[in-house]
Amino acid sequence: MTSNIKPSAAGAKAEQPNPMSALVVADEPVDLSEYRWEDWIAVVVFWLLGFVVFYQFFTRYALDDSAAWTEEIARYLLIVVTFVGGAMATRRNTHIHLEFLFRFLPTKVGRVLSTLVDLVRVGFLAYATYLSALLVPRMHFMNMTVVDFPMSYVYGLVTFGFAMMAYRALILAIQHWRQGYSTLERPEEAF
């Protein structure tokens, strides 16, 4: 029987090598610079949504007495996460695209069509912002079903999400114009 312990030069026993040391991995430094403030708003609202849903689950199944307000608030928080998260997806240009068509178009036609897509996106989001902003004052006198809170706040957050998406789409369109191509034309350069 042999031992893994090797004697040192002075004859004393040295420490055994740790067999688990091969599994230790050094973490890379965390870089939060790619995230913007709307990302953090979406994360906070998402965690708030998770807490409300957990509270709903707990009161319904553990206490057998569901809190009535949780389902409605969870629905509205999900709406807010959707529209604020849409701004994040617009900034990162990760919304669904149809890139297949651009592979078969001539370069100039693809560039014109890509610019048209950017303009239509900005126009649509700006118009959606305008329409949702029109609804905010109209919904102020309509309260939520269970919670006595005006619906205008929910519509205001939807308007905020649309406005952020329109702003980020405009910035993205300018960036595409300056660099001379978009990710529709060159999807391999998306990230």
Protein backbone atom coordinates (compact mmCIF):
# COMPACT_ATOMS: atom_id res chain seq x y z
CA MET A 1 0.00 0.00 0.00
CA THR A 2 1.48 3.31 -1.07
CA SER A 3 0.76 6.69 0.37
CA ASN A 4 0.06 9.95 -1.47
CA ILE A 5 1.98 11.81 1.21
CA LYS A 6 5.45 12.73 0.02
CA PRO A 7 8.20 13.40 2.53
CA SER A 8 9.79 16.81 2.42
CA ALA A 9 13.51 17.43 2.19
CA ALA A 10 13.79 17.44 5.99
CA GLY A 11 11.98 14.13 6.24
CA ALA A 12 8.74 15.56 7.63
CA LYS A 13 5.47 14.77 5.98
CA ALA A 14 4.09 17.37 3.48
CA GLU A 15 0.39 18.11 3.08
CA GLN A 16 -1.66 15.95 0.77
CA PRO A 17 -2.88 17.61 -2.44
CA ASN A 18 -6.59 18.39 -2.27
CA PRO A 19 -8.45 16.30 -4.88
CA MET A 20 -11.28 18.88 -4.94
CA SER A 21 -8.94 21.72 -5.98
CA ALA A 22 -9.47 20.84 -9.65
CA LEU A 23 -13.14 21.77 -9.26
CA VAL A 24 -12.54 25.29 -8.00
CA VAL A 25 -13.30 27.87 -10.65
CA ALA A 26 -12.56 31.54 -10.35
CA ASP A 27 -15.53 33.75 -11.16
CA GLU A 28 -15.22 36.39 -13.80
CA PRO A 29 -15.86 39.94 -12.65
CA VAL A 30 -19.47 41.02 -13.02
CA ASP A 31 -20.03 43.79 -15.57
CA LEU A 32 -23.30 45.68 -15.06
CA SER A 33 -22.46 48.49 -17.49
CA GLU A 34 -24.63 47.05 -20.29
CA TYR A 35 -27.79 47.48 -18.21
CA ARG A 36 -29.74 50.74 -18.25
CA TRP A 37 -32.21 52.19 -15.78
CA GLU A 38 -35.27 50.70 -17.48
CA ASP A 39 -33.71 47.26 -17.05
CA TRP A 40 -33.57 47.80 -13.30
CA ILE A 41 -37.18 49.01 -13.23
CA ALA A 42 -38.22 45.84 -15.06
CA VAL A 43 -36.25 43.69 -12.59
CA VAL A 44 -37.80 45.39 -9.56
CA VAL A 45 -41.34 45.07 -10.95
CA PHE A 46 -40.64 41.45 -11.89
CA TRP A 47 -39.55 40.61 -8.34
CA LEU A 48 -42.54 42.47 -6.96
CA LEU A 49 -44.72 40.37 -9.27
CA GLY A 50 -43.00 37.22 -8.01
CA PHE A 51 -43.65 38.24 -4.41
CA VAL A 52 -47.34 38.96 -5.10
CA VAL A 53 -47.81 35.61 -6.87
CA PHE A 54 -46.02 33.77 -4.04
CA TYR A 55 -48.23 35.58 -1.50
CA GLN A 56 -51.30 34.58 -3.53
CA PHE A 57 -50.14 30.96 -3.63
CA PHE A 58 -49.36 30.95 0.09
CA THR A 59 -52.67 32.46 1.15
CA ARG A 60 -54.66 30.23 -1.18
CA TYR A 61 -53.05 26.86 -0.46
CA ALA A 62 -51.39 27.21 2.93
CA LEU A 63 -53.95 29.41 4.68
CA ASP A 64 -56.95 28.32 2.58
CA ASP A 65 -58.06 31.96 2.43
CA SER A 66 -56.84 33.67 -0.73
CA ALA A 67 -56.12 37.37 -0.65
CA ALA A 68 -58.52 38.89 -3.17
CA TRP A 69 -56.26 41.68 -4.39
CA THR A 70 -53.31 39.52 -5.44
CA GLU A 71 -54.68 38.25 -8.75
CA GLU A 72 -55.58 41.71 -10.00
CA ILE A 73 -52.32 43.32 -8.88
CA ALA A 74 -50.31 40.44 -10.39
CA ARG A 75 -52.09 40.99 -13.71
CA TYR A 76 -51.23 44.69 -13.74
CA LEU A 77 -47.64 44.07 -12.67
CA LEU A 78 -47.30 41.60 -15.54
CA ILE A 79 -48.53 44.29 -17.93
CA VAL A 80 -45.93 46.72 -16.58
CA VAL A 81 -43.14 44.13 -16.87
CA THR A 82 -44.20 43.46 -20.47
CA PHE A 83 -44.07 47.08 -21.60
CA VAL A 84 -41.00 48.17 -19.63
CA GLY A 85 -39.28 44.93 -20.69
CA GLY A 86 -40.25 45.79 -24.27
CA ALA A 87 -38.11 48.92 -23.95
CA MET A 88 -35.21 46.77 -22.84
CA ALA A 89 -35.70 44.40 -25.78
CA THR A 90 -35.95 47.34 -28.20
CA ARG A 91 -32.68 48.81 -26.91
CA ARG A 92 -30.90 45.48 -27.26
CA ASN A 93 -32.59 44.86 -30.64
CA THR A 94 -33.80 41.44 -29.51
CA HIS A 95 -37.41 41.66 -30.66
CA ILE A 96 -38.46 39.01 -33.16
CA HIS A 97 -37.14 39.75 -36.67
CA LEU A 98 -37.71 38.07 -39.99
CA GLU A 99 -34.12 37.81 -41.20
CA PHE A 100 -34.65 34.99 -43.68
CA LEU A 101 -35.93 37.27 -46.45
CA PHE A 102 -32.90 39.56 -46.27
CA ARG A 103 -30.52 36.72 -47.16
CA PHE A 104 -32.04 36.49 -50.65
CA LEU A 105 -32.43 40.19 -51.42
CA PRO A 106 -29.84 42.30 -53.22
CA THR A 107 -27.81 44.46 -50.82
CA LYS A 108 -29.37 47.79 -51.86
CA VAL A 109 -32.93 46.43 -51.67
CA GLY A 110 -32.17 44.94 -48.26
CA ARG A 111 -30.80 48.27 -47.05
CA VAL A 112 -33.89 50.18 -48.22
CA LEU A 113 -36.22 47.61 -46.69
CA SER A 114 -34.25 47.60 -43.44
CA THR A 115 -34.49 51.40 -43.22
CA LEU A 116 -38.22 51.16 -43.93
CA VAL A 117 -38.57 48.62 -41.09
CA ASP A 118 -36.80 51.03 -38.71
CA LEU A 119 -39.03 53.93 -39.75
CA VAL A 120 -42.24 51.92 -39.47
CA ARG A 121 -41.17 50.63 -36.04
CA VAL A 122 -40.45 54.15 -34.76
CA GLY A 123 -43.69 55.46 -36.26
CA PHE A 124 -45.78 52.64 -34.81
CA LEU A 125 -44.31 52.99 -31.33
CA ALA A 126 -44.66 56.78 -31.39
CA TYR A 127 -48.30 56.47 -32.44
CA ALA A 128 -48.94 53.81 -29.76
CA THR A 129 -47.39 56.20 -27.22
CA TYR A 130 -49.72 58.97 -28.38
CA LEU A 131 -52.82 56.74 -28.22
CA SER A 132 -52.00 55.34 -24.80
CA ALA A 133 -51.28 58.86 -23.51
CA LEU A 134 -54.79 59.84 -24.64
CA LEU A 135 -56.23 57.03 -22.51
CA VAL A 136 -54.47 58.01 -19.28
CA PRO A 137 -56.71 60.96 -18.30
CA ARG A 138 -59.84 59.11 -19.46
CA MET A 139 -59.06 56.16 -17.19
CA HIS A 140 -58.37 58.26 -14.09
CA PHE A 141 -61.96 58.04 -12.86
CA MET A 142 -62.17 54.30 -13.41
CA ASN A 143 -60.89 52.28 -10.46
CA MET A 144 -59.50 48.77 -10.38
CA THR A 145 -62.00 46.05 -9.56
CA VAL A 146 -60.77 44.96 -6.13
CA VAL A 147 -58.28 47.66 -5.17
CA ASP A 148 -59.58 51.21 -4.94
CA PHE A 149 -56.87 52.66 -7.18
CA PRO A 150 -57.27 54.53 -10.50
CA MET A 151 -56.61 52.57 -13.68
CA SER A 152 -54.83 55.62 -15.09
CA TYR A 153 -51.66 54.59 -13.25
CA VAL A 154 -51.56 51.28 -15.11
CA TYR A 155 -52.17 53.08 -18.41
CA GLY A 156 -49.53 55.65 -17.47
CA LEU A 157 -46.96 52.89 -17.03
CA VAL A 158 -48.01 51.39 -20.37
CA THR A 159 -47.52 54.83 -21.94
CA PHE A 160 -44.11 55.04 -20.29
CA GLY A 161 -43.19 51.64 -21.76
CA PHE A 162 -44.33 52.68 -25.23
CA ALA A 163 -42.45 55.98 -24.95
CA MET A 164 -39.27 54.18 -23.92
CA MET A 165 -39.67 51.70 -26.78
CA ALA A 166 -40.17 54.57 -29.26
CA TYR A 167 -37.12 56.40 -27.90
CA ARG A 168 -34.94 53.28 -27.99
CA ALA A 169 -36.20 52.42 -31.51
CA LEU A 170 -35.29 55.92 -32.69
CA ILE A 171 -31.79 55.60 -31.21
CA LEU A 172 -31.46 52.18 -32.86
CA ALA A 173 -32.63 53.51 -36.24
CA ILE A 174 -30.05 56.31 -36.06
CA GLN A 175 -27.37 53.77 -35.16
CA HIS A 176 -28.35 51.57 -38.12
CA TRP A 177 -28.29 54.56 -40.45
CA ARG A 178 -24.82 55.65 -39.27
CA GLN A 179 -23.22 52.22 -39.47
CA GLY A 180 -24.75 51.55 -42.89
CA TYR A 181 -26.52 48.28 -42.04
CA SER A 182 -28.88 46.76 -39.51
CA THR A 183 -29.03 43.37 -37.88
CA LEU A 184 -31.70 42.40 -40.37
CA GLU A 185 -29.10 42.60 -43.11
CA ARG A 186 -26.25 41.13 -41.07
CA PRO A 187 -27.72 38.99 -38.27
CA GLU A 188 -24.30 37.47 -37.51
CA GLU A 189 -23.17 40.89 -36.20
CA ALA A 190 -26.12 41.26 -33.81
CA PHE A 191 -24.18 40.63 -30.63
